[in-house]
Every structure is written in C-alpha cells, then in structure tokens.
Amino acid sequence: MESLSLNLDPWESINCLDDAHRQEGIDAGYKDGLISGKEAGKRLGYYQACLVVLNAAIEIEPDCFSSRVQENVRQMDELIQFLILRMRVFRILWRF
C-alpha cells in the first residue's frame, strides 16, 4: 500500500488565509466608502441648497447682508462647487 504524499506547505495555508482576510478588508472598506460618499453627497447637497437660498436673497435684496457675509457666501459657493466636481471626478476614476 502506497502512502499518499501530500505536498502541503504550511505557509501556503497562511498565505491563503491572509489573502482571504485582505479581500474581506478591501470589500468592507469599499462598502464603508460608498456609505461615507453618500453621506458626504447629502451634506454637500444640503449646503448647496442653503447657498441657493442665500444667493437668491442677495439677488432680490442686495443690502440684506453685509459685503463680508456676501463674500463668504460666494466663497462657500465656490468651495461647494469644487467639492461636487471633485466627487464626480473620483466617481468616474473609481469605475476604471
């Protein structure tokens, strides 16, 4: 009766386990990133809506806010637009 020779490398099972855990981490990180991205998108949408209201008030009544407040509103509007554009670019890049 011949004995079966099994070429089991003890490091191979460790590497397989390590690969499995690494993939689980990548998958979990991806899901967390999607959730975080959605939350960030909701917040940006909220602030963008606030700025639309403020800009409409400034357009209707230019003297309703000081020039300093109007400048801050303009800067926030630029920042929100930049962040929205950046999120769209990252979304496109992650597809590839």
PDB file of N, CA and C in Angstrom:
ATOM      1  N   MET A   1       0.838  -1.167   0.000  1.00  0.00           N
ATOM      2  CA  MET A   1       0.000   0.000   0.000  1.00  0.00           C
ATOM      3  C   MET A   1       0.882   1.229   0.000  1.00  0.00           C
ATOM      4  N   GLU A   2       0.659   2.031  -0.986  1.00  0.00           N
ATOM      5  CA  GLU A   2       1.465   3.247  -1.097  1.00  0.00           C
ATOM      6  C   GLU A   2       0.840   4.352  -0.258  1.00  0.00           C
ATOM      7  N   SER A   3       1.687   5.124   0.343  1.00  0.00           N
ATOM      8  CA  SER A   3       1.174   6.252   1.121  1.00  0.00           C
ATOM      9  C   SER A   3       1.008   7.455   0.201  1.00  0.00           C
ATOM     10  N   LEU A   4      -0.028   8.156   0.443  1.00  0.00           N
ATOM     11  CA  LEU A   4      -0.259   9.365  -0.351  1.00  0.00           C
ATOM     12  C   LEU A   4       0.685  10.445   0.129  1.00  0.00           C
ATOM     13  N   SER A   5       1.376  11.007  -0.796  1.00  0.00           N
ATOM     14  CA  SER A   5       2.270  12.100  -0.399  1.00  0.00           C
ATOM     15  C   SER A   5       1.561  13.414  -0.686  1.00  0.00           C
ATOM     16  N   LEU A   6       1.324  14.139   0.344  1.00  0.00           N
ATOM     17  CA  LEU A   6       0.685  15.443   0.204  1.00  0.00           C
ATOM     18  C   LEU A   6       1.746  16.521   0.371  1.00  0.00           C
ATOM     19  N   ASN A   7       1.846  17.346  -0.607  1.00  0.00           N
ATOM     20  CA  ASN A   7       2.807  18.444  -0.541  1.00  0.00           C
ATOM     21  C   ASN A   7       2.111  19.666   0.038  1.00  0.00           C
ATOM     22  N   LEU A   8       1.919  19.666   1.302  1.00  0.00           N
ATOM     23  CA  LEU A   8       1.275  20.791   1.957  1.00  0.00           C
ATOM     24  C   LEU A   8       2.340  21.696   2.548  1.00  0.00           C
ATOM     25  N   ASP A   9       2.368  22.861   2.045  1.00  0.00           N
ATOM     26  CA  ASP A   9       3.278  23.870   2.560  1.00  0.00           C
ATOM     27  C   ASP A   9       2.551  24.605   3.687  1.00  0.00           C
ATOM     28  N   PRO A  10       3.100  24.617   4.889  1.00  0.00           N
ATOM     29  CA  PRO A  10       2.392  25.302   5.979  1.00  0.00           C
ATOM     30  C   PRO A  10       2.207  26.793   5.712  1.00  0.00           C
ATOM     31  N   TRP A  11       3.074  27.377   4.929  1.00  0.00           N
ATOM     32  CA  TRP A  11       2.962  28.809   4.637  1.00  0.00           C
ATOM     33  C   TRP A  11       1.872  29.089   3.611  1.00  0.00           C
ATOM     34  N   GLU A  12       1.557  28.078   2.792  1.00  0.00           N
ATOM     35  CA  GLU A  12       0.531  28.268   1.780  1.00  0.00           C
ATOM     36  C   GLU A  12      -0.833  28.512   2.417  1.00  0.00           C
ATOM     37  N   SER A  13      -1.150  27.744   3.447  1.00  0.00           N
ATOM     38  CA  SER A  13      -2.445  27.946   4.108  1.00  0.00           C
ATOM     39  C   SER A  13      -2.496  29.297   4.804  1.00  0.00           C
ATOM     40  N   ILE A  14      -1.361  29.739   5.345  1.00  0.00           N
ATOM     41  CA  ILE A  14      -1.308  31.056   5.984  1.00  0.00           C
ATOM     42  C   ILE A  14      -1.497  32.150   4.935  1.00  0.00           C
ATOM     43  N   ASN A  15      -0.850  31.988   3.779  1.00  0.00           N
ATOM     44  CA  ASN A  15      -0.985  32.977   2.706  1.00  0.00           C
ATOM     45  C   ASN A  15      -2.416  33.030   2.187  1.00  0.00           C
ATOM     46  N   CYS A  16      -3.064  31.869   2.052  1.00  0.00           N
ATOM     47  CA  CYS A  16      -4.457  31.845   1.594  1.00  0.00           C
ATOM     48  C   CYS A  16      -5.368  32.550   2.598  1.00  0.00           C
ATOM     49  N   LEU A  17      -5.125  32.281   3.875  1.00  0.00           N
ATOM     50  CA  LEU A  17      -5.917  32.932   4.918  1.00  0.00           C
ATOM     51  C   LEU A  17      -5.684  34.438   4.903  1.00  0.00           C
ATOM     52  N   ASP A  18      -4.424  34.832   4.729  1.00  0.00           N
ATOM     53  CA  ASP A  18      -4.083  36.254   4.664  1.00  0.00           C
ATOM     54  C   ASP A  18      -4.760  36.919   3.467  1.00  0.00           C
ATOM     55  N   ASP A  19      -4.743  36.234   2.314  1.00  0.00           N
ATOM     56  CA  ASP A  19      -5.403  36.775   1.123  1.00  0.00           C
ATOM     57  C   ASP A  19      -6.904  36.916   1.335  1.00  0.00           C
ATOM     58  N   ALA A  20      -7.500  35.933   1.990  1.00  0.00           N
ATOM     59  CA  ALA A  20      -8.938  35.989   2.248  1.00  0.00           C
ATOM     60  C   ALA A  20      -9.284  37.170   3.161  1.00  0.00           C
ATOM     61  N   HIS A  21      -8.487  37.356   4.217  1.00  0.00           N
ATOM     62  CA  HIS A  21      -8.741  38.473   5.127  1.00  0.00           C
ATOM     63  C   HIS A  21      -8.491  39.812   4.451  1.00  0.00           C
ATOM     64  N   ARG A  22      -7.481  39.873   3.605  1.00  0.00           N
ATOM     65  CA  ARG A  22      -7.197  41.113   2.896  1.00  0.00           C
ATOM     66  C   ARG A  22      -8.360  41.467   1.975  1.00  0.00           C
ATOM     67  N   GLN A  23      -8.890  40.467   1.256  1.00  0.00           N
ATOM     68  CA  GLN A  23     -10.018  40.723   0.360  1.00  0.00           C
ATOM     69  C   GLN A  23     -11.253  41.142   1.149  1.00  0.00           C
ATOM     70  N   GLU A  24     -11.482  40.522   2.298  1.00  0.00           N
ATOM     71  CA  GLU A  24     -12.606  40.930   3.152  1.00  0.00           C
ATOM     72  C   GLU A  24     -12.445  42.378   3.592  1.00  0.00           C
ATOM     73  N   GLY A  25     -11.224  42.772   3.912  1.00  0.00           N
ATOM     74  CA  GLY A  25     -10.956  44.155   4.305  1.00  0.00           C
ATOM     75  C   GLY A  25     -11.192  45.121   3.169  1.00  0.00           C
ATOM     76  N   ILE A  26     -10.777  44.728   1.978  1.00  0.00           N
ATOM     77  CA  ILE A  26     -10.988  45.579   0.800  1.00  0.00           C
ATOM     78  C   ILE A  26     -12.485  45.738   0.545  1.00  0.00           C
ATOM     79  N   ASP A  27     -13.223  44.625   0.612  1.00  0.00           N
ATOM     80  CA  ASP A  27     -14.670  44.682   0.382  1.00  0.00           C
ATOM     81  C   ASP A  27     -15.371  45.547   1.436  1.00  0.00           C
ATOM     82  N   ALA A  28     -14.985  45.374   2.695  1.00  0.00           N
ATOM     83  CA  ALA A  28     -15.589  46.170   3.773  1.00  0.00           C
ATOM     84  C   ALA A  28     -15.248  47.649   3.597  1.00  0.00           C
ATOM     85  N   GLY A  29     -14.005  47.937   3.238  1.00  0.00           N
ATOM     86  CA  GLY A  29     -13.600  49.318   3.010  1.00  0.00           C
ATOM     87  C   GLY A  29     -14.352  49.949   1.855  1.00  0.00           C
ATOM     88  N   TYR A  30     -14.583  49.174   0.809  1.00  0.00           N
ATOM     89  CA  TYR A  30     -15.335  49.672  -0.346  1.00  0.00           C
ATOM     90  C   TYR A  30     -16.759  50.023   0.063  1.00  0.00           C
ATOM     91  N   LYS A  31     -17.403  49.124   0.828  1.00  0.00           N
ATOM     92  CA  LYS A  31     -18.777  49.386   1.278  1.00  0.00           C
ATOM     93  C   LYS A  31     -18.825  50.605   2.199  1.00  0.00           C
ATOM     94  N   ASP A  32     -17.861  50.707   3.115  1.00  0.00           N
ATOM     95  CA  ASP A  32     -17.811  51.871   4.002  1.00  0.00           C
ATOM     96  C   ASP A  32     -17.600  53.146   3.203  1.00  0.00           C
ATOM     97  N   GLY A  33     -16.773  53.062   2.173  1.00  0.00           N
ATOM     98  CA  GLY A  33     -16.529  54.229   1.325  1.00  0.00           C
ATOM     99  C   GLY A  33     -17.777  54.677   0.590  1.00  0.00           C
ATOM    100  N   LEU A  34     -18.558  53.715   0.131  1.00  0.00           N
ATOM    101  CA  LEU A  34     -19.810  54.071  -0.540  1.00  0.00           C
ATOM    102  C   LEU A  34     -20.759  54.775   0.416  1.00  0.00           C
ATOM    103  N   ILE A  35     -20.850  54.244   1.638  1.00  0.00           N
ATOM    104  CA  ILE A  35     -21.729  54.863   2.635  1.00  0.00           C
ATOM    105  C   ILE A  35     -21.236  56.265   2.968  1.00  0.00           C
ATOM    106  N   SER A  36     -19.928  56.406   3.190  1.00  0.00           N
ATOM    107  CA  SER A  36     -19.360  57.722   3.512  1.00  0.00           C
ATOM    108  C   SER A  36     -19.560  58.695   2.364  1.00  0.00           C
ATOM    109  N   GLY A  37     -19.383  58.193   1.148  1.00  0.00           N
ATOM    110  CA  GLY A  37     -19.571  59.051  -0.026  1.00  0.00           C
ATOM    111  C   GLY A  37     -20.999  59.538  -0.156  1.00  0.00           C
ATOM    112  N   LYS A  38     -21.946  58.664   0.138  1.00  0.00           N
ATOM    113  CA  LYS A  38     -23.352  59.062   0.071  1.00  0.00           C
ATOM    114  C   LYS A  38     -23.658  60.112   1.139  1.00  0.00           C
ATOM    115  N   GLU A  39     -23.107  59.911   2.339  1.00  0.00           N
ATOM    116  CA  GLU A  39     -23.327  60.884   3.412  1.00  0.00           C
ATOM    117  C   GLU A  39     -22.707  62.232   3.049  1.00  0.00           C
ATOM    118  N   ALA A  40     -21.508  62.191   2.480  1.00  0.00           N
ATOM    119  CA  ALA A  40     -20.854  63.435   2.072  1.00  0.00           C
ATOM    120  C   ALA A  40     -21.663  64.118   0.976  1.00  0.00           C
ATOM    121  N   GLY A  41     -22.204  63.333   0.054  1.00  0.00           N
ATOM    122  CA  GLY A  41     -23.030  63.901  -1.013  1.00  0.00           C
ATOM    123  C   GLY A  41     -24.287  64.559  -0.476  1.00  0.00           C
ATOM    124  N   LYS A  42     -24.898  63.920   0.520  1.00  0.00           N
ATOM    125  CA  LYS A  42     -26.100  64.514   1.131  1.00  0.00           C
ATOM    126  C   LYS A  42     -25.768  65.840   1.808  1.00  0.00           C
ATOM    127  N   ARG A  43     -24.643  65.866   2.505  1.00  0.00           N
ATOM    128  CA  ARG A  43     -24.251  67.111   3.181  1.00  0.00           C
ATOM    129  C   ARG A  43     -23.942  68.208   2.174  1.00  0.00           C
ATOM    130  N   LEU A  44     -23.229  67.850   1.104  1.00  0.00           N
ATOM    131  CA  LEU A  44     -22.937  68.858   0.083  1.00  0.00           C
ATOM    132  C   LEU A  44     -24.227  69.372  -0.542  1.00  0.00           C
ATOM    133  N   GLY A  45     -25.171  68.472  -0.779  1.00  0.00           N
ATOM    134  CA  GLY A  45     -26.460  68.887  -1.331  1.00  0.00           C
ATOM    135  C   GLY A  45     -27.201  69.827  -0.400  1.00  0.00           C
ATOM    136  N   TYR A  46     -27.131  69.552   0.890  1.00  0.00           N
ATOM    137  CA  TYR A  46     -27.781  70.419   1.874  1.00  0.00           C
ATOM    138  C   TYR A  46     -27.166  71.818   1.848  1.00  0.00           C
ATOM    139  N   TYR A  47     -25.836  71.877   1.898  1.00  0.00           N
ATOM    140  CA  TYR A  47     -25.169  73.177   1.899  1.00  0.00           C
ATOM    141  C   TYR A  47     -25.370  73.913   0.579  1.00  0.00           C
ATOM    142  N   GLN A  48     -25.421  73.160  -0.510  1.00  0.00           N
ATOM    143  CA  GLN A  48     -25.670  73.794  -1.801  1.00  0.00           C
ATOM    144  C   GLN A  48     -27.063  74.415  -1.823  1.00  0.00           C
ATOM    145  N   ALA A  49     -28.040  73.719  -1.260  1.00  0.00           N
ATOM    146  CA  ALA A  49     -29.402  74.261  -1.199  1.00  0.00           C
ATOM    147  C   ALA A  49     -29.453  75.514  -0.325  1.00  0.00           C
ATOM    148  N   CYS A  50     -28.721  75.495   0.799  1.00  0.00           N
ATOM    149  CA  CYS A  50     -28.661  76.685   1.655  1.00  0.00           C
ATOM    150  C   CYS A  50     -28.074  77.863   0.890  1.00  0.00           C
ATOM    151  N   LEU A  51     -27.036  77.603   0.121  1.00  0.00           N
ATOM    152  CA  LEU A  51     -26.397  78.682  -0.638  1.00  0.00           C
ATOM    153  C   LEU A  51     -27.309  79.203  -1.744  1.00  0.00           C
ATOM    154  N   VAL A  52     -28.115  78.336  -2.331  1.00  0.00           N
ATOM    155  CA  VAL A  52     -29.075  78.788  -3.345  1.00  0.00           C
ATOM    156  C   VAL A  52     -30.047  79.781  -2.726  1.00  0.00           C
ATOM    157  N   VAL A  53     -30.519  79.476  -1.521  1.00  0.00           N
ATOM    158  CA  VAL A  53     -31.452  80.370  -0.826  1.00  0.00           C
ATOM    159  C   VAL A  53     -30.760  81.689  -0.491  1.00  0.00           C
ATOM    160  N   LEU A  54     -29.537  81.619   0.042  1.00  0.00           N
ATOM    161  CA  LEU A  54     -28.812  82.848   0.389  1.00  0.00           C
ATOM    162  C   LEU A  54     -28.526  83.693  -0.845  1.00  0.00           C
ATOM    163  N   ASN A  55     -28.108  83.050  -1.931  1.00  0.00           N
ATOM    164  CA  ASN A  55     -27.839  83.799  -3.161  1.00  0.00           C
ATOM    165  C   ASN A  55     -29.102  84.429  -3.730  1.00  0.00           C
ATOM    166  N   ALA A  56     -30.228  83.724  -3.609  1.00  0.00           N
ATOM    167  CA  ALA A  56     -31.498  84.294  -4.068  1.00  0.00           C
ATOM    168  C   ALA A  56     -31.868  85.510  -3.234  1.00  0.00           C
ATOM    169  N   ALA A  57     -31.645  85.428  -1.915  1.00  0.00           N
ATOM    170  CA  ALA A  57     -31.934  86.576  -1.045  1.00  0.00           C
ATOM    171  C   ALA A  57     -31.044  87.761  -1.396  1.00  0.00           C
ATOM    172  N   ILE A  58     -29.779  87.482  -1.671  1.00  0.00           N
ATOM    173  CA  ILE A  58     -28.843  88.558  -2.035  1.00  0.00           C
ATOM    174  C   ILE A  58     -29.232  89.171  -3.373  1.00  0.00           C
ATOM    175  N   GLU A  59     -29.688  88.338  -4.313  1.00  0.00           N
ATOM    176  CA  GLU A  59     -30.082  88.851  -5.626  1.00  0.00           C
ATOM    177  C   GLU A  59     -31.332  89.720  -5.524  1.00  0.00           C
ATOM    178  N   ILE A  60     -32.276  89.303  -4.694  1.00  0.00           N
ATOM    179  CA  ILE A  60     -33.518  90.063  -4.536  1.00  0.00           C
ATOM    180  C   ILE A  60     -33.269  91.348  -3.760  1.00  0.00           C
ATOM    181  N   GLU A  61     -32.522  91.244  -2.681  1.00  0.00           N
ATOM    182  CA  GLU A  61     -32.243  92.409  -1.829  1.00  0.00           C
ATOM    183  C   GLU A  61     -30.739  92.466  -1.555  1.00  0.00           C
ATOM    184  N   PRO A  62     -29.992  93.163  -2.405  1.00  0.00           N
ATOM    185  CA  PRO A  62     -28.524  93.190  -2.285  1.00  0.00           C
ATOM    186  C   PRO A  62     -28.011  93.707  -0.942  1.00  0.00           C
ATOM    187  N   ASP A  63     -28.802  94.495  -0.237  1.00  0.00           N
ATOM    188  CA  ASP A  63     -28.331  95.049   1.039  1.00  0.00           C
ATOM    189  C   ASP A  63     -28.771  94.240   2.250  1.00  0.00           C
ATOM    190  N   CYS A  64     -29.320  93.030   2.031  1.00  0.00           N
ATOM    191  CA  CYS A  64     -29.809  92.249   3.173  1.00  0.00           C
ATOM    192  C   CYS A  64     -28.666  91.675   4.006  1.00  0.00           C
ATOM    193  N   PHE A  65     -27.491  91.509   3.420  1.00  0.00           N
ATOM    194  CA  PHE A  65     -26.311  91.037   4.136  1.00  0.00           C
ATOM    195  C   PHE A  65     -25.160  91.989   3.885  1.00  0.00           C
ATOM    196  N   SER A  66     -24.254  92.056   4.835  1.00  0.00           N
ATOM    197  CA  SER A  66     -23.078  92.906   4.666  1.00  0.00           C
ATOM    198  C   SER A  66     -22.209  92.356   3.533  1.00  0.00           C
ATOM    199  N   SER A  67     -21.303  93.188   3.058  1.00  0.00           N
ATOM    200  CA  SER A  67     -20.417  92.755   1.973  1.00  0.00           C
ATOM    201  C   SER A  67     -19.531  91.589   2.429  1.00  0.00           C
ATOM    202  N   ARG A  68     -19.190  91.570   3.715  1.00  0.00           N
ATOM    203  CA  ARG A  68     -18.380  90.472   4.249  1.00  0.00           C
ATOM    204  C   ARG A  68     -19.148  89.142   4.192  1.00  0.00           C
ATOM    205  N   VAL A  69     -20.412  89.158   4.577  1.00  0.00           N
ATOM    206  CA  VAL A  69     -21.238  87.951   4.522  1.00  0.00           C
ATOM    207  C   VAL A  69     -21.432  87.518   3.069  1.00  0.00           C
ATOM    208  N   GLN A  70     -21.672  88.479   2.197  1.00  0.00           N
ATOM    209  CA  GLN A  70     -21.852  88.149   0.783  1.00  0.00           C
ATOM    210  C   GLN A  70     -20.587  87.509   0.205  1.00  0.00           C
ATOM    211  N   GLU A  71     -19.432  88.009   0.600  1.00  0.00           N
ATOM    212  CA  GLU A  71     -18.163  87.441   0.137  1.00  0.00           C
ATOM    213  C   GLU A  71     -18.002  86.008   0.676  1.00  0.00           C
ATOM    214  N   ASN A  72     -18.371  85.790   1.932  1.00  0.00           N
ATOM    215  CA  ASN A  72     -18.296  84.433   2.498  1.00  0.00           C
ATOM    216  C   ASN A  72     -19.248  83.476   1.783  1.00  0.00           C
ATOM    217  N   VAL A  73     -20.424  83.949   1.448  1.00  0.00           N
ATOM    218  CA  VAL A  73     -21.386  83.124   0.710  1.00  0.00           C
ATOM    219  C   VAL A  73     -20.807  82.765  -0.661  1.00  0.00           C
ATOM    220  N   ARG A  74     -20.201  83.736  -1.326  1.00  0.00           N
ATOM    221  CA  ARG A  74     -19.596  83.491  -2.642  1.00  0.00           C
ATOM    222  C   ARG A  74     -18.471  82.468  -2.528  1.00  0.00           C
ATOM    223  N   GLN A  75     -17.625  82.605  -1.502  1.00  0.00           N
ATOM    224  CA  GLN A  75     -16.518  81.673  -1.315  1.00  0.00           C
ATOM    225  C   GLN A  75     -17.022  80.260  -1.004  1.00  0.00           C
ATOM    226  N   MET A  76     -18.051  80.173  -0.168  1.00  0.00           N
ATOM    227  CA  MET A  76     -18.620  78.857   0.145  1.00  0.00           C
ATOM    228  C   MET A  76     -19.232  78.226  -1.095  1.00  0.00           C
ATOM    229  N   ASP A  77     -19.872  79.035  -1.924  1.00  0.00           N
ATOM    230  CA  ASP A  77     -20.462  78.544  -3.164  1.00  0.00           C
ATOM    231  C   ASP A  77     -19.374  77.959  -4.067  1.00  0.00           C
ATOM    232  N   GLU A  78     -18.257  78.657  -4.190  1.00  0.00           N
ATOM    233  CA  GLU A  78     -17.140  78.162  -4.999  1.00  0.00           C
ATOM    234  C   GLU A  78     -16.585  76.860  -4.416  1.00  0.00           C
ATOM    235  N   LEU A  79     -16.453  76.801  -3.107  1.00  0.00           N
ATOM    236  CA  LEU A  79     -15.937  75.607  -2.451  1.00  0.00           C
ATOM    237  C   LEU A  79     -16.863  74.413  -2.660  1.00  0.00           C
ATOM    238  N   ILE A  80     -18.156  74.617  -2.496  1.00  0.00           N
ATOM    239  CA  ILE A  80     -19.127  73.529  -2.683  1.00  0.00           C
ATOM    240  C   ILE A  80     -19.080  73.041  -4.130  1.00  0.00           C
ATOM    241  N   GLN A  81     -19.035  73.968  -5.082  1.00  0.00           N
ATOM    242  CA  GLN A  81     -18.968  73.568  -6.494  1.00  0.00           C
ATOM    243  C   GLN A  81     -17.696  72.760  -6.770  1.00  0.00           C
ATOM    244  N   PHE A  82     -16.577  73.180  -6.178  1.00  0.00           N
ATOM    245  CA  PHE A  82     -15.311  72.463  -6.337  1.00  0.00           C
ATOM    246  C   PHE A  82     -15.421  71.050  -5.763  1.00  0.00           C
ATOM    247  N   LEU A  83     -16.000  70.923  -4.565  1.00  0.00           N
ATOM    248  CA  LEU A  83     -16.119  69.615  -3.929  1.00  0.00           C
ATOM    249  C   LEU A  83     -17.050  68.687  -4.698  1.00  0.00           C
ATOM    250  N   ILE A  84     -18.132  69.226  -5.228  1.00  0.00           N
ATOM    251  CA  ILE A  84     -19.053  68.424  -6.031  1.00  0.00           C
ATOM    252  C   ILE A  84     -18.350  67.937  -7.296  1.00  0.00           C
ATOM    253  N   LEU A  85     -17.607  68.804  -7.948  1.00  0.00           N
ATOM    254  CA  LEU A  85     -16.858  68.414  -9.136  1.00  0.00           C
ATOM    255  C   LEU A  85     -15.827  67.347  -8.794  1.00  0.00           C
ATOM    256  N   ARG A  86     -15.154  67.516  -7.672  1.00  0.00           N
ATOM    257  CA  ARG A  86     -14.136  66.551  -7.248  1.00  0.00           C
ATOM    258  C   ARG A  86     -14.756  65.183  -6.964  1.00  0.00           C
ATOM    259  N   MET A  87     -15.922  65.163  -6.340  1.00  0.00           N
ATOM    260  CA  MET A  87     -16.602  63.891  -6.084  1.00  0.00           C
ATOM    261  C   MET A  87     -16.980  63.207  -7.393  1.00  0.00           C
ATOM    262  N   ARG A  88     -17.424  63.990  -8.376  1.00  0.00           N
ATOM    263  CA  ARG A  88     -17.787  63.404  -9.674  1.00  0.00           C
ATOM    264  C   ARG A  88     -16.565  62.819 -10.367  1.00  0.00           C
ATOM    265  N   VAL A  89     -15.443  63.509 -10.286  1.00  0.00           N
ATOM    266  CA  VAL A  89     -14.211  63.006 -10.897  1.00  0.00           C
ATOM    267  C   VAL A  89     -13.782  61.713 -10.226  1.00  0.00           C
ATOM    268  N   PHE A  90     -13.803  61.653  -8.887  1.00  0.00           N
ATOM    269  CA  PHE A  90     -13.421  60.421  -8.191  1.00  0.00           C
ATOM    270  C   PHE A  90     -14.360  59.278  -8.534  1.00  0.00           C
ATOM    271  N   ARG A  91     -15.651  59.575  -8.676  1.00  0.00           N
ATOM    272  CA  ARG A  91     -16.608  58.537  -9.024  1.00  0.00           C
ATOM    273  C   ARG A  91     -16.272  57.970 -10.397  1.00  0.00           C
ATOM    274  N   ILE A  92     -15.906  58.826 -11.337  1.00  0.00           N
ATOM    275  CA  ILE A  92     -15.535  58.372 -12.680  1.00  0.00           C
ATOM    276  C   ILE A  92     -14.254  57.556 -12.627  1.00  0.00           C
ATOM    277  N   LEU A  93     -13.270  58.018 -11.866  1.00  0.00           N
ATOM    278  CA  LEU A  93     -11.994  57.314 -11.788  1.00  0.00           C
ATOM    279  C   LEU A  93     -12.127  55.938 -11.149  1.00  0.00           C
ATOM    280  N   TRP A  94     -13.011  55.793 -10.162  1.00  0.00           N
ATOM    281  CA  TRP A  94     -13.159  54.519  -9.473  1.00  0.00           C
ATOM    282  C   TRP A  94     -13.832  53.478 -10.354  1.00  0.00           C
ATOM    283  N   ARG A  95     -14.489  53.909 -11.416  1.00  0.00           N
ATOM    284  CA  ARG A  95     -15.131  52.959 -12.320  1.00  0.00           C
ATOM    285  C   ARG A  95     -14.100  52.196 -13.140  1.00  0.00           C
ATOM    286  N   PHE A  96     -12.923  52.749 -13.308  1.00  0.00           N
ATOM    287  CA  PHE A  96     -11.894  52.101 -14.135  1.00  0.00           C
ATOM    288  C   PHE A  96     -10.997  51.228 -13.347  1.00  0.00           C
TER     289      PHE A  96
END
